[in-house]
Amino acid sequence: MTASALESPPASLSTAAAEALALDVYGLAAQARPLVSERDQNFHLRARDGAEYVLKITNAAEDPAVSEMQTLALRHVAAADPGAAVQRVVPTASGALSAVLPGPAGDQIVRLLTFLPGVMLHRAASTPAQRRSLGAAHARLTLALQGFSHPAQDHVLLWDLKQAPSLRRLLPFVGDAGRRALAEAALDRFEARVAPILPGLPAQVVHNDLNPHNVVVDPDDTDRVCGILDFGDMVATPRVCDTAIAASYQLAHGLEALCDYVAAYHAALPLAPAELETLYDLVAMRMATSVLISEWRAGRYPENAEYILRNHPAAVTGLERLAHAGRAAFDAAVRAACATELRR
């Protein structure tokens, strides 16, 4: 996804139109309610038998090949690891994996996915056990995605950390001078320290957006991660970029919380020394990316600003905490946590 999908408004189907679409394309009689989304339009569907689904209508600016990649990736994960906590793709009434909905701005891809019940991670209290569960679940998903490939996997995505230098043009959209300086410093370090070695690190197709709004935990045991949602930012990139993205959101709870997640991930899918050496700068770059893109887009779409800025406070807090901790303390804490986790 280039900037075009972030600059193009999502579909605007009514609830009644979504219900008609589900019936026409999937033969599914269901009640719909809107779900908030950054660039697509999503509906929660409840069928007459109580079954629940998510109806997704992509942004007209998104390449259909990218939507296909996301769909086939979910199918790949289900086949590679049937117990993986991801949604399943529901075929249309004719057996296709998706449908095309013509619109005034262009064709939109329609997909139906199973619904994963539970409590969203951002609504649950953070605990060490929960963070370790997240690390293990994330590593399991990444392992299930190994071997998956698609012609669209190298599409240009602004949320892909290897594209970070292209975000420098967004610095003027950050209103606060302090936040802008932190974001600019992260960009400077990325270009100087990370960009030269990133192409040599292990790479594959990854989820690329494991934020607390994309994770479901068990309502009866919120320490247990039971679902990973939203493959919309999927891309082929250095694997440690994906790890850094998930780690960055844990920093809102402190450096120890980040270490809980990284250590559990490392125990299931070991990070090479060169990957660990990039983690400080990649975590900073993810939070800077969140600040830059969210403030830019919130200005363009003020009616959706609350949703666009949902992770903004955590990103700002994380950048500040990371700068205060410093690289040496960060690296020492992460390495110690990883060594301790491997001895459990």
C-alpha atoms as a PDB file:
ATOM      1  CA  MET A   1       0.000   0.000   0.000  1.00  0.00           C
ATOM      2  CA  THR A   2       1.444   3.279  -1.101  1.00  0.00           C
ATOM      3  CA  ALA A   3       0.215   6.592   0.243  1.00  0.00           C
ATOM      4  CA  SER A   4      -2.779   6.390  -2.122  1.00  0.00           C
ATOM      5  CA  ALA A   5      -4.726   3.937   0.047  1.00  0.00           C
ATOM      6  CA  LEU A   6      -4.051   6.086   3.100  1.00  0.00           C
ATOM      7  CA  GLU A   7      -5.164   9.176   1.221  1.00  0.00           C
ATOM      8  CA  SER A   8      -8.289   7.587  -0.294  1.00  0.00           C
ATOM      9  CA  PRO A   9     -11.473   7.463   1.822  1.00  0.00           C
ATOM     10  CA  PRO A  10     -12.933   4.026   2.620  1.00  0.00           C
ATOM     11  CA  ALA A  11     -16.157   2.638   1.187  1.00  0.00           C
ATOM     12  CA  SER A  12     -19.380   4.065   2.595  1.00  0.00           C
ATOM     13  CA  LEU A  13     -21.920   1.246   2.494  1.00  0.00           C
ATOM     14  CA  SER A  14     -24.908   1.547   4.788  1.00  0.00           C
ATOM     15  CA  THR A  15     -25.702  -1.199   7.269  1.00  0.00           C
ATOM     16  CA  ALA A  16     -28.635  -2.269   5.097  1.00  0.00           C
ATOM     17  CA  ALA A  17     -26.384  -2.414   2.032  1.00  0.00           C
ATOM     18  CA  ALA A  18     -23.875  -4.572   3.929  1.00  0.00           C
ATOM     19  CA  GLU A  19     -26.635  -6.982   4.939  1.00  0.00           C
ATOM     20  CA  ALA A  20     -27.845  -7.161   1.339  1.00  0.00           C
ATOM     21  CA  LEU A  21     -24.290  -7.766   0.145  1.00  0.00           C
ATOM     22  CA  ALA A  22     -23.794 -10.622   2.613  1.00  0.00           C
ATOM     23  CA  LEU A  23     -27.029 -12.234   1.475  1.00  0.00           C
ATOM     24  CA  ASP A  24     -26.354 -11.751  -2.231  1.00  0.00           C
ATOM     25  CA  VAL A  25     -22.701 -12.840  -2.278  1.00  0.00           C
ATOM     26  CA  TYR A  26     -22.554 -15.339   0.583  1.00  0.00           C
ATOM     27  CA  GLY A  27     -26.135 -16.459   0.974  1.00  0.00           C
ATOM     28  CA  LEU A  28     -25.855 -15.284   4.563  1.00  0.00           C
ATOM     29  CA  ALA A  29     -28.852 -13.697   6.253  1.00  0.00           C
ATOM     30  CA  ALA A  30     -27.363 -11.639   9.071  1.00  0.00           C
ATOM     31  CA  GLN A  31     -27.579  -8.446  11.066  1.00  0.00           C
ATOM     32  CA  ALA A  32     -24.693  -6.028  10.477  1.00  0.00           C
ATOM     33  CA  ARG A  33     -23.089  -3.360  12.609  1.00  0.00           C
ATOM     34  CA  PRO A  34     -20.198  -1.141  11.512  1.00  0.00           C
ATOM     35  CA  LEU A  35     -16.669  -1.644  12.801  1.00  0.00           C
ATOM     36  CA  VAL A  36     -14.148   1.189  12.808  1.00  0.00           C
ATOM     37  CA  SER A  37     -11.202   0.848  10.446  1.00  0.00           C
ATOM     38  CA  GLU A  38      -8.335   2.971   9.182  1.00  0.00           C
ATOM     39  CA  ARG A  39      -8.795   2.641   5.415  1.00  0.00           C
ATOM     40  CA  ASP A  40     -11.267  -0.183   4.664  1.00  0.00           C
ATOM     41  CA  GLN A  41     -14.893  -0.618   5.664  1.00  0.00           C
ATOM     42  CA  ASN A  42     -15.711  -3.504   7.978  1.00  0.00           C
ATOM     43  CA  PHE A  43     -18.936  -4.894   9.437  1.00  0.00           C
ATOM     44  CA  HIS A  44     -19.612  -7.377  12.194  1.00  0.00           C
ATOM     45  CA  LEU A  45     -22.256  -9.863  11.056  1.00  0.00           C
ATOM     46  CA  ARG A  46     -24.417 -12.034  13.281  1.00  0.00           C
ATOM     47  CA  ALA A  47     -26.276 -14.768  11.416  1.00  0.00           C
ATOM     48  CA  ARG A  48     -29.657 -16.143  12.438  1.00  0.00           C
ATOM     49  CA  ASP A  49     -27.993 -19.238  13.917  1.00  0.00           C
ATOM     50  CA  GLY A  50     -25.767 -17.044  16.110  1.00  0.00           C
ATOM     51  CA  ALA A  51     -22.605 -17.487  14.039  1.00  0.00           C
ATOM     52  CA  GLU A  52     -20.480 -14.343  13.775  1.00  0.00           C
ATOM     53  CA  TYR A  53     -18.385 -13.028  10.893  1.00  0.00           C
ATOM     54  CA  VAL A  54     -16.497  -9.969   9.683  1.00  0.00           C
ATOM     55  CA  LEU A  55     -17.401  -8.564   6.268  1.00  0.00           C
ATOM     56  CA  LYS A  56     -14.493  -6.597   4.782  1.00  0.00           C
ATOM     57  CA  ILE A  57     -14.742  -4.143   1.864  1.00  0.00           C
ATOM     58  CA  THR A  58     -11.299  -2.960   0.821  1.00  0.00           C
ATOM     59  CA  ASN A  59     -10.308   0.561  -0.081  1.00  0.00           C
ATOM     60  CA  ALA A  60     -10.724   1.129  -3.821  1.00  0.00           C
ATOM     61  CA  ALA A  61      -7.125   2.396  -3.996  1.00  0.00           C
ATOM     62  CA  GLU A  62      -5.698  -0.903  -2.774  1.00  0.00           C
ATOM     63  CA  ASP A  63      -4.208  -3.217  -5.368  1.00  0.00           C
ATOM     64  CA  PRO A  64      -6.440  -6.326  -5.664  1.00  0.00           C
ATOM     65  CA  ALA A  65      -3.279  -8.435  -5.671  1.00  0.00           C
ATOM     66  CA  VAL A  66      -2.507  -7.209  -2.155  1.00  0.00           C
ATOM     67  CA  SER A  67      -5.964  -8.247  -0.963  1.00  0.00           C
ATOM     68  CA  GLU A  68      -5.439 -11.634  -2.584  1.00  0.00           C
ATOM     69  CA  MET A  69      -2.121 -12.004  -0.782  1.00  0.00           C
ATOM     70  CA  GLN A  70      -3.772 -11.396   2.588  1.00  0.00           C
ATOM     71  CA  THR A  71      -6.502 -13.930   1.826  1.00  0.00           C
ATOM     72  CA  LEU A  72      -4.078 -16.604   0.671  1.00  0.00           C
ATOM     73  CA  ALA A  73      -1.824 -15.960   3.661  1.00  0.00           C
ATOM     74  CA  LEU A  74      -4.702 -16.740   6.012  1.00  0.00           C
ATOM     75  CA  ARG A  75      -5.345 -19.932   4.064  1.00  0.00           C
ATOM     76  CA  HIS A  76      -1.646 -20.819   4.267  1.00  0.00           C
ATOM     77  CA  VAL A  77      -1.540 -20.307   8.040  1.00  0.00           C
ATOM     78  CA  ALA A  78      -4.668 -22.428   8.541  1.00  0.00           C
ATOM     79  CA  ALA A  79      -3.070 -25.251   6.555  1.00  0.00           C
ATOM     80  CA  ALA A  80       0.410 -24.952   8.080  1.00  0.00           C
ATOM     81  CA  ASP A  81      -0.811 -24.648  11.676  1.00  0.00           C
ATOM     82  CA  PRO A  82      -4.497 -25.556  12.095  1.00  0.00           C
ATOM     83  CA  GLY A  83      -4.407 -24.444  15.715  1.00  0.00           C
ATOM     84  CA  ALA A  84      -3.107 -20.954  14.951  1.00  0.00           C
ATOM     85  CA  ALA A  85      -5.282 -18.215  16.411  1.00  0.00           C
ATOM     86  CA  VAL A  86      -6.276 -16.462  13.183  1.00  0.00           C
ATOM     87  CA  GLN A  87      -9.529 -15.881  11.328  1.00  0.00           C
ATOM     88  CA  ARG A  88     -10.606 -18.293   8.622  1.00  0.00           C
ATOM     89  CA  VAL A  89     -11.653 -17.260   5.110  1.00  0.00           C
ATOM     90  CA  VAL A  90     -15.297 -18.009   4.265  1.00  0.00           C
ATOM     91  CA  PRO A  91     -15.924 -18.697   0.542  1.00  0.00           C
ATOM     92  CA  THR A  92     -18.691 -16.985  -1.393  1.00  0.00           C
ATOM     93  CA  ALA A  93     -21.836 -18.887  -2.355  1.00  0.00           C
ATOM     94  CA  SER A  94     -20.101 -19.793  -5.630  1.00  0.00           C
ATOM     95  CA  GLY A  95     -16.964 -21.047  -3.851  1.00  0.00           C
ATOM     96  CA  ALA A  96     -14.688 -18.071  -4.591  1.00  0.00           C
ATOM     97  CA  LEU A  97     -12.425 -16.636  -1.895  1.00  0.00           C
ATOM     98  CA  SER A  98     -13.593 -13.077  -2.556  1.00  0.00           C
ATOM     99  CA  ALA A  99     -15.941 -10.991  -4.678  1.00  0.00           C
ATOM    100  CA  VAL A 100     -15.693  -7.696  -6.527  1.00  0.00           C
ATOM    101  CA  LEU A 101     -17.943  -4.766  -5.659  1.00  0.00           C
ATOM    102  CA  PRO A 102     -17.929  -1.976  -8.267  1.00  0.00           C
ATOM    103  CA  GLY A 103     -17.875   1.515  -6.785  1.00  0.00           C
ATOM    104  CA  PRO A 104     -17.618   5.141  -7.898  1.00  0.00           C
ATOM    105  CA  ALA A 105     -13.901   5.227  -7.006  1.00  0.00           C
ATOM    106  CA  GLY A 106     -13.146   1.819  -8.519  1.00  0.00           C
ATOM    107  CA  ASP A 107     -13.609  -1.858  -7.785  1.00  0.00           C
ATOM    108  CA  GLN A 108     -13.487  -3.002  -4.165  1.00  0.00           C
ATOM    109  CA  ILE A 109     -12.686  -6.495  -2.944  1.00  0.00           C
ATOM    110  CA  VAL A 110     -15.215  -8.120  -0.623  1.00  0.00           C
ATOM    111  CA  ARG A 111     -14.201 -10.848   1.802  1.00  0.00           C
ATOM    112  CA  LEU A 112     -15.895 -12.686   4.654  1.00  0.00           C
ATOM    113  CA  LEU A 113     -13.908 -13.932   7.640  1.00  0.00           C
ATOM    114  CA  THR A 114     -14.830 -15.811  10.768  1.00  0.00           C
ATOM    115  CA  PHE A 115     -15.123 -13.711  13.933  1.00  0.00           C
ATOM    116  CA  LEU A 116     -12.734 -14.319  16.833  1.00  0.00           C
ATOM    117  CA  PRO A 117     -14.568 -13.683  20.129  1.00  0.00           C
ATOM    118  CA  GLY A 118     -12.834 -12.398  23.218  1.00  0.00           C
ATOM    119  CA  VAL A 119     -11.489  -9.222  24.795  1.00  0.00           C
ATOM    120  CA  MET A 120      -9.293  -6.873  22.800  1.00  0.00           C
ATOM    121  CA  LEU A 121      -5.804  -6.712  24.272  1.00  0.00           C
ATOM    122  CA  HIS A 122      -5.912  -2.944  24.775  1.00  0.00           C
ATOM    123  CA  ARG A 123      -8.902  -3.396  27.104  1.00  0.00           C
ATOM    124  CA  ALA A 124      -7.179  -5.986  29.330  1.00  0.00           C
ATOM    125  CA  ALA A 125      -4.703  -5.353  32.130  1.00  0.00           C
ATOM    126  CA  SER A 126      -1.134  -6.002  31.002  1.00  0.00           C
ATOM    127  CA  THR A 127       0.731  -8.728  32.930  1.00  0.00           C
ATOM    128  CA  PRO A 128       4.050 -10.554  32.451  1.00  0.00           C
ATOM    129  CA  ALA A 129       2.215 -13.795  31.653  1.00  0.00           C
ATOM    130  CA  GLN A 130       0.085 -12.068  29.031  1.00  0.00           C
ATOM    131  CA  ARG A 131       3.116 -10.471  27.397  1.00  0.00           C
ATOM    132  CA  ARG A 132       4.875 -13.832  27.253  1.00  0.00           C
ATOM    133  CA  SER A 133       1.742 -15.343  25.716  1.00  0.00           C
ATOM    134  CA  LEU A 134       1.782 -12.609  23.086  1.00  0.00           C
ATOM    135  CA  GLY A 135       5.426 -13.258  22.244  1.00  0.00           C
ATOM    136  CA  ALA A 136       4.816 -16.982  21.886  1.00  0.00           C
ATOM    137  CA  ALA A 137       1.665 -16.510  19.780  1.00  0.00           C
ATOM    138  CA  HIS A 138       3.402 -14.018  17.506  1.00  0.00           C
ATOM    139  CA  ALA A 139       6.376 -16.322  16.963  1.00  0.00           C
ATOM    140  CA  ARG A 140       3.983 -19.189  16.214  1.00  0.00           C
ATOM    141  CA  LEU A 141       2.234 -17.106  13.561  1.00  0.00           C
ATOM    142  CA  THR A 142       5.550 -16.070  12.012  1.00  0.00           C
ATOM    143  CA  LEU A 143       6.681 -19.688  11.850  1.00  0.00           C
ATOM    144  CA  ALA A 144       3.372 -20.641  10.191  1.00  0.00           C
ATOM    145  CA  LEU A 145       3.960 -17.962   7.548  1.00  0.00           C
ATOM    146  CA  GLN A 146       7.402 -19.293   6.665  1.00  0.00           C
ATOM    147  CA  GLY A 147       7.378 -20.600   3.117  1.00  0.00           C
ATOM    148  CA  PHE A 148       4.468 -18.397   2.056  1.00  0.00           C
ATOM    149  CA  SER A 149       5.078 -16.176  -0.942  1.00  0.00           C
ATOM    150  CA  HIS A 150       2.983 -14.107  -3.308  1.00  0.00           C
ATOM    151  CA  PRO A 151       3.695 -11.771  -6.240  1.00  0.00           C
ATOM    152  CA  ALA A 152       2.402  -8.803  -4.223  1.00  0.00           C
ATOM    153  CA  GLN A 153       4.515  -9.429  -1.122  1.00  0.00           C
ATOM    154  CA  ASP A 154       7.007  -6.671  -1.972  1.00  0.00           C
ATOM    155  CA  HIS A 155       4.418  -3.950  -2.463  1.00  0.00           C
ATOM    156  CA  VAL A 156       5.358  -0.532  -1.126  1.00  0.00           C
ATOM    157  CA  LEU A 157       3.792   0.015   2.292  1.00  0.00           C
ATOM    158  CA  LEU A 158       4.289   3.159   4.350  1.00  0.00           C
ATOM    159  CA  TRP A 159       3.959   1.087   7.548  1.00  0.00           C
ATOM    160  CA  ASP A 160       6.829  -1.191   6.431  1.00  0.00           C
ATOM    161  CA  LEU A 161       9.841  -0.141   8.514  1.00  0.00           C
ATOM    162  CA  LYS A 162      12.267  -0.629   5.653  1.00  0.00           C
ATOM    163  CA  GLN A 163      10.447   2.251   3.919  1.00  0.00           C
ATOM    164  CA  ALA A 164      11.154   4.596   6.851  1.00  0.00           C
ATOM    165  CA  PRO A 165      13.259   7.156   4.925  1.00  0.00           C
ATOM    166  CA  SER A 166      10.225   7.993   2.772  1.00  0.00           C
ATOM    167  CA  LEU A 167       8.465   9.298   5.901  1.00  0.00           C
ATOM    168  CA  ARG A 168      10.811  12.233   6.385  1.00  0.00           C
ATOM    169  CA  ARG A 169       8.465  14.366   4.266  1.00  0.00           C
ATOM    170  CA  LEU A 170       5.800  13.965   6.980  1.00  0.00           C
ATOM    171  CA  LEU A 171       7.832  15.675   9.722  1.00  0.00           C
ATOM    172  CA  PRO A 172       6.153  19.084   9.110  1.00  0.00           C
ATOM    173  CA  PHE A 173       2.758  17.528   9.971  1.00  0.00           C
ATOM    174  CA  VAL A 174       3.862  16.834  13.572  1.00  0.00           C
ATOM    175  CA  GLY A 175       2.589  19.843  15.472  1.00  0.00           C
ATOM    176  CA  ASP A 176       4.642  19.561  18.668  1.00  0.00           C
ATOM    177  CA  ALA A 177       8.338  20.475  18.325  1.00  0.00           C
ATOM    178  CA  GLY A 178       9.419  17.943  20.951  1.00  0.00           C
ATOM    179  CA  ARG A 179       7.620  15.047  19.254  1.00  0.00           C
ATOM    180  CA  ARG A 180       8.959  16.157  15.903  1.00  0.00           C
ATOM    181  CA  ALA A 181      12.529  16.153  17.236  1.00  0.00           C
ATOM    182  CA  LEU A 182      12.135  12.633  18.639  1.00  0.00           C
ATOM    183  CA  ALA A 183      10.749  11.374  15.332  1.00  0.00           C
ATOM    184  CA  GLU A 184      13.515  13.062  13.362  1.00  0.00           C
ATOM    185  CA  ALA A 185      16.191  11.569  15.629  1.00  0.00           C
ATOM    186  CA  ALA A 186      14.711   8.102  15.098  1.00  0.00           C
ATOM    187  CA  LEU A 187      14.837   8.629  11.334  1.00  0.00           C
ATOM    188  CA  ASP A 188      18.446   9.793  11.529  1.00  0.00           C
ATOM    189  CA  ARG A 189      19.515   6.732  13.538  1.00  0.00           C
ATOM    190  CA  PHE A 190      17.616   4.382  11.244  1.00  0.00           C
ATOM    191  CA  GLU A 191      19.341   5.730   8.146  1.00  0.00           C
ATOM    192  CA  ALA A 192      22.786   5.705   9.756  1.00  0.00           C
ATOM    193  CA  ARG A 193      22.737   2.439  11.724  1.00  0.00           C
ATOM    194  CA  VAL A 194      19.980   0.151  10.450  1.00  0.00           C
ATOM    195  CA  ALA A 195      19.370   0.774   6.753  1.00  0.00           C
ATOM    196  CA  PRO A 196      22.861  -0.438   5.699  1.00  0.00           C
ATOM    197  CA  ILE A 197      22.482  -3.865   7.373  1.00  0.00           C
ATOM    198  CA  LEU A 198      18.730  -4.475   7.043  1.00  0.00           C
ATOM    199  CA  PRO A 199      18.918  -6.174   3.600  1.00  0.00           C
ATOM    200  CA  GLY A 200      21.160  -8.905   5.051  1.00  0.00           C
ATOM    201  CA  LEU A 201      18.795  -9.930   7.856  1.00  0.00           C
ATOM    202  CA  PRO A 202      16.310 -12.857   7.642  1.00  0.00           C
ATOM    203  CA  ALA A 203      13.175 -11.774   5.793  1.00  0.00           C
ATOM    204  CA  GLN A 204       9.762 -13.254   5.025  1.00  0.00           C
ATOM    205  CA  VAL A 205       6.089 -12.304   4.778  1.00  0.00           C
ATOM    206  CA  VAL A 206       4.961 -11.116   8.216  1.00  0.00           C
ATOM    207  CA  HIS A 207       1.875  -9.719   9.940  1.00  0.00           C
ATOM    208  CA  ASN A 208       3.515  -6.303  10.371  1.00  0.00           C
ATOM    209  CA  ASP A 209       0.965  -4.710  12.723  1.00  0.00           C
ATOM    210  CA  LEU A 210       0.707  -6.557  16.024  1.00  0.00           C
ATOM    211  CA  ASN A 211      -0.692  -3.658  18.016  1.00  0.00           C
ATOM    212  CA  PRO A 212      -3.069  -4.090  20.999  1.00  0.00           C
ATOM    213  CA  HIS A 213      -6.107  -3.395  18.798  1.00  0.00           C
ATOM    214  CA  ASN A 214      -5.266  -6.436  16.641  1.00  0.00           C
ATOM    215  CA  VAL A 215      -4.959  -9.008  19.435  1.00  0.00           C
ATOM    216  CA  VAL A 216      -7.728 -10.878  21.262  1.00  0.00           C
ATOM    217  CA  VAL A 217      -7.358 -12.421  24.718  1.00  0.00           C
ATOM    218  CA  ASP A 218      -9.510 -15.030  26.461  1.00  0.00           C
ATOM    219  CA  PRO A 219     -12.246 -13.288  28.530  1.00  0.00           C
ATOM    220  CA  ASP A 220     -11.913 -16.007  31.174  1.00  0.00           C
ATOM    221  CA  ASP A 221      -8.128 -15.728  31.270  1.00  0.00           C
ATOM    222  CA  THR A 222      -6.857 -12.447  29.888  1.00  0.00           C
ATOM    223  CA  ASP A 223      -3.286 -13.677  30.265  1.00  0.00           C
ATOM    224  CA  ARG A 224      -3.925 -15.984  27.286  1.00  0.00           C
ATOM    225  CA  VAL A 225      -3.778 -14.627  23.734  1.00  0.00           C
ATOM    226  CA  CYS A 226      -6.421 -16.396  21.661  1.00  0.00           C
ATOM    227  CA  GLY A 227      -6.582 -14.376  18.438  1.00  0.00           C
ATOM    228  CA  ILE A 228      -4.527 -12.253  16.047  1.00  0.00           C
ATOM    229  CA  LEU A 229      -6.487 -10.037  13.673  1.00  0.00           C
ATOM    230  CA  ASP A 230      -6.039  -7.747  10.669  1.00  0.00           C
ATOM    231  CA  PHE A 231      -3.520  -8.857   8.068  1.00  0.00           C
ATOM    232  CA  GLY A 232      -4.015  -5.603   6.176  1.00  0.00           C
ATOM    233  CA  ASP A 233      -0.413  -4.408   6.619  1.00  0.00           C
ATOM    234  CA  MET A 234       1.147  -7.720   5.611  1.00  0.00           C
ATOM    235  CA  VAL A 235       4.363  -7.436   3.597  1.00  0.00           C
ATOM    236  CA  ALA A 236       7.674  -9.211   3.016  1.00  0.00           C
ATOM    237  CA  THR A 237      10.282  -7.455   5.151  1.00  0.00           C
ATOM    238  CA  PRO A 238      13.145  -8.279   7.530  1.00  0.00           C
ATOM    239  CA  ARG A 239      11.581 -10.418  10.225  1.00  0.00           C
ATOM    240  CA  VAL A 240      12.973  -8.362  13.094  1.00  0.00           C
ATOM    241  CA  CYS A 241      10.946  -5.379  11.848  1.00  0.00           C
ATOM    242  CA  ASP A 242       7.803  -7.321  12.701  1.00  0.00           C
ATOM    243  CA  THR A 243       9.195  -8.180  16.131  1.00  0.00           C
ATOM    244  CA  ALA A 244      10.068  -4.543  16.779  1.00  0.00           C
ATOM    245  CA  ILE A 245       6.554  -3.423  15.868  1.00  0.00           C
ATOM    246  CA  ALA A 246       4.933  -5.666  18.474  1.00  0.00           C
ATOM    247  CA  ALA A 247       7.631  -4.821  21.014  1.00  0.00           C
ATOM    248  CA  SER A 248       7.112  -1.082  20.579  1.00  0.00           C
ATOM    249  CA  TYR A 249       3.565  -1.236  21.934  1.00  0.00           C
ATOM    250  CA  GLN A 250       4.715  -3.060  25.063  1.00  0.00           C
ATOM    251  CA  LEU A 251       7.033  -0.178  25.909  1.00  0.00           C
ATOM    252  CA  ALA A 252       3.980   1.814  26.997  1.00  0.00           C
ATOM    253  CA  HIS A 253       4.082  -0.418  30.096  1.00  0.00           C
ATOM    254  CA  GLY A 254       7.830   0.020  30.597  1.00  0.00           C
ATOM    255  CA  LEU A 255      11.069  -1.559  29.422  1.00  0.00           C
ATOM    256  CA  GLU A 256      10.492  -4.670  31.520  1.00  0.00           C
ATOM    257  CA  ALA A 257       7.192  -5.249  29.695  1.00  0.00           C
ATOM    258  CA  LEU A 258       8.922  -5.012  26.314  1.00  0.00           C
ATOM    259  CA  CYS A 259      11.486  -7.536  27.534  1.00  0.00           C
ATOM    260  CA  ASP A 260       8.769 -10.004  28.580  1.00  0.00           C
ATOM    261  CA  TYR A 261       7.401 -10.027  25.040  1.00  0.00           C
ATOM    262  CA  VAL A 262      10.782 -10.161  23.248  1.00  0.00           C
ATOM    263  CA  ALA A 263      12.107 -12.943  25.483  1.00  0.00           C
ATOM    264  CA  ALA A 264       9.094 -15.170  24.851  1.00  0.00           C
ATOM    265  CA  TYR A 265       9.270 -14.528  21.111  1.00  0.00           C
ATOM    266  CA  HIS A 266      13.012 -15.287  21.149  1.00  0.00           C
ATOM    267  CA  ALA A 267      12.447 -18.554  23.024  1.00  0.00           C
ATOM    268  CA  ALA A 268      10.100 -19.766  20.263  1.00  0.00           C
ATOM    269  CA  LEU A 269      11.867 -18.167  17.272  1.00  0.00           C
ATOM    270  CA  PRO A 270      15.421 -17.109  18.162  1.00  0.00           C
ATOM    271  CA  LEU A 271      16.622 -13.701  17.030  1.00  0.00           C
ATOM    272  CA  ALA A 272      20.165 -13.617  15.647  1.00  0.00           C
ATOM    273  CA  PRO A 273      22.695 -11.304  17.337  1.00  0.00           C
ATOM    274  CA  ALA A 274      22.546  -8.938  14.358  1.00  0.00           C
ATOM    275  CA  GLU A 275      18.759  -8.758  14.689  1.00  0.00           C
ATOM    276  CA  LEU A 276      18.968  -7.990  18.408  1.00  0.00           C
ATOM    277  CA  GLU A 277      21.447  -5.196  17.675  1.00  0.00           C
ATOM    278  CA  THR A 278      18.866  -3.400  15.498  1.00  0.00           C
ATOM    279  CA  LEU A 279      15.981  -3.705  17.943  1.00  0.00           C
ATOM    280  CA  TYR A 280      16.488  -0.405  19.789  1.00  0.00           C
ATOM    281  CA  ASP A 281      16.454   1.651  16.596  1.00  0.00           C
ATOM    282  CA  LEU A 282      13.640  -0.337  14.982  1.00  0.00           C
ATOM    283  CA  VAL A 283      11.393   0.037  18.040  1.00  0.00           C
ATOM    284  CA  ALA A 284      12.050   3.772  17.982  1.00  0.00           C
ATOM    285  CA  MET A 285      11.370   3.895  14.256  1.00  0.00           C
ATOM    286  CA  ARG A 286       8.019   2.124  14.628  1.00  0.00           C
ATOM    287  CA  MET A 287       6.870   4.602  17.227  1.00  0.00           C
ATOM    288  CA  ALA A 288       8.106   7.485  15.098  1.00  0.00           C
ATOM    289  CA  THR A 289       6.232   5.984  12.137  1.00  0.00           C
ATOM    290  CA  SER A 290       3.050   5.865  14.196  1.00  0.00           C
ATOM    291  CA  VAL A 291       3.452   9.505  15.228  1.00  0.00           C
ATOM    292  CA  LEU A 292       4.216  10.690  11.689  1.00  0.00           C
ATOM    293  CA  ILE A 293       1.501   8.799   9.824  1.00  0.00           C
ATOM    294  CA  SER A 294      -1.227   9.262  12.436  1.00  0.00           C
ATOM    295  CA  GLU A 295      -0.748  13.021  12.784  1.00  0.00           C
ATOM    296  CA  TRP A 296      -0.627  13.414   8.998  1.00  0.00           C
ATOM    297  CA  ARG A 297      -3.785  11.345   8.479  1.00  0.00           C
ATOM    298  CA  ALA A 298      -5.696  12.820  11.417  1.00  0.00           C
ATOM    299  CA  GLY A 299      -5.289  16.205   9.772  1.00  0.00           C
ATOM    300  CA  ARG A 300      -6.649  14.851   6.497  1.00  0.00           C
ATOM    301  CA  TYR A 301      -9.572  12.958   8.055  1.00  0.00           C
ATOM    302  CA  PRO A 302     -10.618  14.764  11.242  1.00  0.00           C
ATOM    303  CA  GLU A 303     -13.916  12.842  11.297  1.00  0.00           C
ATOM    304  CA  ASN A 304     -11.910   9.624  11.872  1.00  0.00           C
ATOM    305  CA  ALA A 305      -9.173  11.194  14.000  1.00  0.00           C
ATOM    306  CA  GLU A 306     -10.119   9.336  17.186  1.00  0.00           C
ATOM    307  CA  TYR A 307      -9.524   5.981  15.509  1.00  0.00           C
ATOM    308  CA  ILE A 308      -6.449   7.111  13.565  1.00  0.00           C
ATOM    309  CA  LEU A 309      -4.829   8.453  16.751  1.00  0.00           C
ATOM    310  CA  ARG A 310      -5.737   5.454  18.927  1.00  0.00           C
ATOM    311  CA  ASN A 311      -2.105   4.327  19.308  1.00  0.00           C
ATOM    312  CA  HIS A 312      -0.602   7.827  19.209  1.00  0.00           C
ATOM    313  CA  PRO A 313      -0.279   8.402  22.998  1.00  0.00           C
ATOM    314  CA  ALA A 314       1.478   5.048  23.463  1.00  0.00           C
ATOM    315  CA  ALA A 315       3.860   5.857  20.606  1.00  0.00           C
ATOM    316  CA  VAL A 316       4.787   9.226  22.105  1.00  0.00           C
ATOM    317  CA  THR A 317       5.250   7.717  25.566  1.00  0.00           C
ATOM    318  CA  GLY A 318       7.377   4.939  24.128  1.00  0.00           C
ATOM    319  CA  LEU A 319       9.637   7.337  22.227  1.00  0.00           C
ATOM    320  CA  GLU A 320      10.177   9.352  25.397  1.00  0.00           C
ATOM    321  CA  ARG A 321      10.894   6.268  27.510  1.00  0.00           C
ATOM    322  CA  LEU A 322      13.265   4.861  24.920  1.00  0.00           C
ATOM    323  CA  ALA A 323      15.229   8.117  24.754  1.00  0.00           C
ATOM    324  CA  HIS A 324      15.408   8.222  28.558  1.00  0.00           C
ATOM    325  CA  ALA A 325      16.574   4.595  28.872  1.00  0.00           C
ATOM    326  CA  GLY A 326      19.270   4.837  26.211  1.00  0.00           C
ATOM    327  CA  ARG A 327      20.631   2.145  23.920  1.00  0.00           C
ATOM    328  CA  ALA A 328      23.029   0.518  26.396  1.00  0.00           C
ATOM    329  CA  ALA A 329      20.393  -0.046  29.080  1.00  0.00           C
ATOM    330  CA  PHE A 330      17.860  -1.236  26.485  1.00  0.00           C
ATOM    331  CA  ASP A 331      20.235  -3.765  24.938  1.00  0.00           C
ATOM    332  CA  ALA A 332      21.379  -5.088  28.328  1.00  0.00           C
ATOM    333  CA  ALA A 333      17.798  -5.544  29.552  1.00  0.00           C
ATOM    334  CA  VAL A 334      16.677  -7.344  26.384  1.00  0.00           C
ATOM    335  CA  ARG A 335      19.660  -9.712  26.337  1.00  0.00           C
ATOM    336  CA  ALA A 336      19.263 -10.548  30.029  1.00  0.00           C
ATOM    337  CA  ALA A 337      15.534 -11.256  29.587  1.00  0.00           C
ATOM    338  CA  CYS A 338      16.167 -13.489  26.587  1.00  0.00           C
ATOM    339  CA  ALA A 339      18.791 -15.483  28.488  1.00  0.00           C
ATOM    340  CA  THR A 340      16.469 -15.876  31.484  1.00  0.00           C
ATOM    341  CA  GLU A 341      13.531 -17.000  29.318  1.00  0.00           C
ATOM    342  CA  LEU A 342      15.651 -19.701  27.647  1.00  0.00           C
ATOM    343  CA  ARG A 343      16.453 -21.114  31.107  1.00  0.00           C
ATOM    344  CA  ARG A 344      12.798 -21.428  32.140  1.00  0.00           C
END
